Amino acid sequence: MTTPSFLEDHASQVPALQLLLSMGYTYLPPAEALRLRGGKYSQVLLEEVLRRKLPEINAIRQSSSKTAL
């Protein structure tokens, strides 16, 4: 019989990651996330990704065309 794992990554982090991936989120390896933070662990926002995605997120869809805000 296998002993169950009570480590936090097995109990919560891995299932949460699997859920986010199934919802369409993209996993960033720690090194890539740090690069996008400009090498700063205290930087929460990935500004490069935010700048690229904001126009897409804030666009208004009218019939078959999209209009940026």
N, C-alpha and C. Protein backbone atom coordinates (compact mmCIF):
# COMPACT_ATOMS: atom_id res chain seq x y z
N MET A 1 0.85 -1.19 0.00
CA MET A 1 0.00 0.00 0.00
C MET A 1 0.89 1.25 0.00
N THR A 2 0.55 2.23 -0.80
CA THR A 2 1.31 3.46 -0.92
C THR A 2 0.88 4.45 0.16
N THR A 3 1.84 5.10 0.79
CA THR A 3 1.54 6.12 1.80
C THR A 3 1.12 7.40 1.08
N PRO A 4 -0.06 7.97 1.45
CA PRO A 4 -0.48 9.21 0.79
C PRO A 4 0.46 10.36 1.11
N SER A 5 0.57 11.28 0.17
CA SER A 5 1.43 12.45 0.36
C SER A 5 0.62 13.56 1.01
N PHE A 6 1.20 14.14 2.04
CA PHE A 6 0.55 15.26 2.72
C PHE A 6 1.29 16.56 2.46
N LEU A 7 2.18 16.56 1.46
CA LEU A 7 2.90 17.77 1.11
C LEU A 7 1.94 18.75 0.45
N GLU A 8 2.16 20.04 0.69
CA GLU A 8 1.25 21.07 0.18
C GLU A 8 1.14 21.03 -1.34
N ASP A 9 2.26 20.78 -2.04
CA ASP A 9 2.18 20.79 -3.50
C ASP A 9 1.28 19.67 -4.03
N HIS A 10 1.24 18.56 -3.34
CA HIS A 10 0.37 17.46 -3.79
C HIS A 10 -1.07 17.70 -3.38
N ALA A 11 -1.27 18.30 -2.24
CA ALA A 11 -2.62 18.49 -1.71
C ALA A 11 -3.36 19.66 -2.34
N SER A 12 -2.64 20.74 -2.70
CA SER A 12 -3.35 21.92 -3.19
C SER A 12 -2.75 22.55 -4.44
N GLN A 13 -1.44 22.67 -4.50
CA GLN A 13 -0.84 23.39 -5.62
C GLN A 13 -1.01 22.67 -6.95
N VAL A 14 -0.76 21.38 -6.98
CA VAL A 14 -0.87 20.63 -8.24
C VAL A 14 -2.32 20.62 -8.75
N PRO A 15 -3.31 20.30 -7.90
CA PRO A 15 -4.70 20.37 -8.39
C PRO A 15 -5.11 21.77 -8.86
N ALA A 16 -4.65 22.81 -8.17
CA ALA A 16 -4.97 24.18 -8.58
C ALA A 16 -4.35 24.48 -9.93
N LEU A 17 -3.10 24.07 -10.12
CA LEU A 17 -2.42 24.27 -11.39
C LEU A 17 -3.14 23.53 -12.52
N GLN A 18 -3.56 22.31 -12.27
CA GLN A 18 -4.29 21.54 -13.29
C GLN A 18 -5.60 22.22 -13.65
N LEU A 19 -6.30 22.76 -12.67
CA LEU A 19 -7.55 23.46 -12.94
C LEU A 19 -7.31 24.70 -13.79
N LEU A 20 -6.31 25.50 -13.43
CA LEU A 20 -6.02 26.71 -14.20
C LEU A 20 -5.61 26.38 -15.63
N LEU A 21 -4.81 25.33 -15.82
CA LEU A 21 -4.43 24.92 -17.17
C LEU A 21 -5.65 24.50 -17.97
N SER A 22 -6.59 23.79 -17.33
CA SER A 22 -7.79 23.36 -18.04
C SER A 22 -8.69 24.54 -18.40
N MET A 23 -8.52 25.67 -17.70
CA MET A 23 -9.30 26.87 -17.99
C MET A 23 -8.63 27.75 -19.04
N GLY A 24 -7.47 27.32 -19.56
CA GLY A 24 -6.82 28.06 -20.62
C GLY A 24 -5.63 28.91 -20.20
N TYR A 25 -5.30 28.89 -18.92
CA TYR A 25 -4.13 29.63 -18.46
C TYR A 25 -2.86 28.95 -18.96
N THR A 26 -1.78 29.69 -19.07
CA THR A 26 -0.50 29.18 -19.53
C THR A 26 0.46 29.09 -18.36
N TYR A 27 1.09 27.94 -18.20
CA TYR A 27 2.08 27.77 -17.14
C TYR A 27 3.39 28.42 -17.56
N LEU A 28 3.93 29.24 -16.68
CA LEU A 28 5.25 29.84 -16.91
C LEU A 28 6.23 29.21 -15.94
N PRO A 29 7.32 28.65 -16.46
CA PRO A 29 8.35 28.14 -15.55
C PRO A 29 8.88 29.29 -14.70
N PRO A 30 9.36 29.01 -13.49
CA PRO A 30 9.84 30.07 -12.61
C PRO A 30 10.87 31.00 -13.25
N ALA A 31 11.77 30.47 -14.04
CA ALA A 31 12.79 31.31 -14.67
C ALA A 31 12.17 32.30 -15.65
N GLU A 32 11.16 31.86 -16.41
CA GLU A 32 10.48 32.74 -17.37
C GLU A 32 9.67 33.81 -16.63
N ALA A 33 8.99 33.41 -15.55
CA ALA A 33 8.22 34.38 -14.76
C ALA A 33 9.15 35.44 -14.17
N LEU A 34 10.30 35.02 -13.68
CA LEU A 34 11.26 35.98 -13.13
C LEU A 34 11.78 36.92 -14.21
N ARG A 35 12.03 36.40 -15.41
CA ARG A 35 12.48 37.25 -16.52
C ARG A 35 11.42 38.29 -16.84
N LEU A 36 10.14 37.88 -16.88
CA LEU A 36 9.05 38.81 -17.18
C LEU A 36 8.84 39.82 -16.06
N ARG A 37 9.32 39.51 -14.87
CA ARG A 37 9.26 40.45 -13.74
C ARG A 37 10.46 41.38 -13.72
N GLY A 38 11.30 41.30 -14.72
CA GLY A 38 12.49 42.13 -14.75
C GLY A 38 13.51 41.72 -13.71
N GLY A 39 13.49 40.44 -13.33
CA GLY A 39 14.44 39.93 -12.35
C GLY A 39 14.11 40.30 -10.91
N LYS A 40 12.93 40.88 -10.68
CA LYS A 40 12.55 41.32 -9.34
C LYS A 40 11.48 40.39 -8.77
N TYR A 41 11.80 39.73 -7.67
CA TYR A 41 10.83 38.85 -7.02
C TYR A 41 9.66 39.63 -6.45
N SER A 42 9.86 40.89 -6.13
CA SER A 42 8.79 41.71 -5.56
C SER A 42 7.81 42.23 -6.61
N GLN A 43 8.16 42.12 -7.87
CA GLN A 43 7.30 42.59 -8.97
C GLN A 43 6.20 41.55 -9.20
N VAL A 44 4.96 41.92 -8.93
CA VAL A 44 3.85 40.98 -9.05
C VAL A 44 3.32 40.92 -10.47
N LEU A 45 3.17 42.07 -11.10
CA LEU A 45 2.61 42.12 -12.46
C LEU A 45 3.66 41.77 -13.51
N LEU A 46 3.25 41.03 -14.49
CA LEU A 46 4.09 40.74 -15.65
C LEU A 46 3.74 41.80 -16.68
N GLU A 47 4.41 42.95 -16.61
CA GLU A 47 4.02 44.12 -17.39
C GLU A 47 4.05 43.87 -18.89
N GLU A 48 5.00 43.10 -19.37
CA GLU A 48 5.08 42.79 -20.81
C GLU A 48 3.82 42.04 -21.26
N VAL A 49 3.39 41.08 -20.47
CA VAL A 49 2.18 40.31 -20.78
C VAL A 49 0.95 41.20 -20.65
N LEU A 50 0.91 42.01 -19.60
CA LEU A 50 -0.22 42.91 -19.37
C LEU A 50 -0.41 43.89 -20.53
N ARG A 51 0.67 44.50 -20.99
CA ARG A 51 0.58 45.44 -22.12
C ARG A 51 0.07 44.76 -23.39
N ARG A 52 0.49 43.52 -23.59
CA ARG A 52 0.08 42.79 -24.78
C ARG A 52 -1.39 42.35 -24.71
N LYS A 53 -1.86 42.02 -23.50
CA LYS A 53 -3.20 41.46 -23.35
C LYS A 53 -4.31 42.50 -23.10
N LEU A 54 -3.98 43.63 -22.51
CA LEU A 54 -5.02 44.62 -22.17
C LEU A 54 -5.86 45.05 -23.36
N PRO A 55 -5.27 45.39 -24.50
CA PRO A 55 -6.13 45.77 -25.62
C PRO A 55 -7.09 44.65 -26.04
N GLU A 56 -6.65 43.43 -25.94
CA GLU A 56 -7.50 42.29 -26.29
C GLU A 56 -8.62 42.12 -25.26
N ILE A 57 -8.29 42.25 -24.00
CA ILE A 57 -9.27 42.07 -22.92
C ILE A 57 -10.29 43.20 -22.92
N ASN A 58 -9.86 44.41 -23.20
CA ASN A 58 -10.73 45.58 -23.11
C ASN A 58 -11.43 45.93 -24.42
N ALA A 59 -11.32 45.11 -25.41
CA ALA A 59 -11.98 45.38 -26.69
C ALA A 59 -13.47 45.06 -26.57
N ILE A 60 -14.25 45.76 -27.36
CA ILE A 60 -15.70 45.54 -27.41
C ILE A 60 -16.01 44.79 -28.70
N ARG A 61 -16.73 43.70 -28.59
CA ARG A 61 -17.09 42.92 -29.77
C ARG A 61 -18.48 43.37 -30.24
N GLN A 62 -18.56 43.80 -31.50
CA GLN A 62 -19.83 44.19 -32.11
C GLN A 62 -20.00 43.33 -33.35
N SER A 63 -20.98 42.49 -33.34
CA SER A 63 -21.24 41.50 -34.38
C SER A 63 -19.97 40.74 -34.69
N SER A 64 -19.38 40.90 -35.85
CA SER A 64 -18.20 40.11 -36.20
C SER A 64 -16.89 40.88 -36.07
N SER A 65 -16.94 42.14 -35.63
CA SER A 65 -15.71 42.93 -35.51
C SER A 65 -15.43 43.28 -34.05
N LYS A 66 -14.18 43.58 -33.76
CA LYS A 66 -13.77 43.97 -32.43
C LYS A 66 -13.26 45.40 -32.46
N THR A 67 -13.66 46.22 -31.48
CA THR A 67 -13.22 47.60 -31.40
C THR A 67 -12.47 47.80 -30.11
N ALA A 68 -11.25 48.35 -30.20
CA ALA A 68 -10.47 48.62 -28.99
C ALA A 68 -11.06 49.81 -28.25
N LEU A 69 -10.92 49.80 -26.94
CA LEU A 69 -11.39 50.92 -26.15
C LEU A 69 -10.34 52.00 -26.06
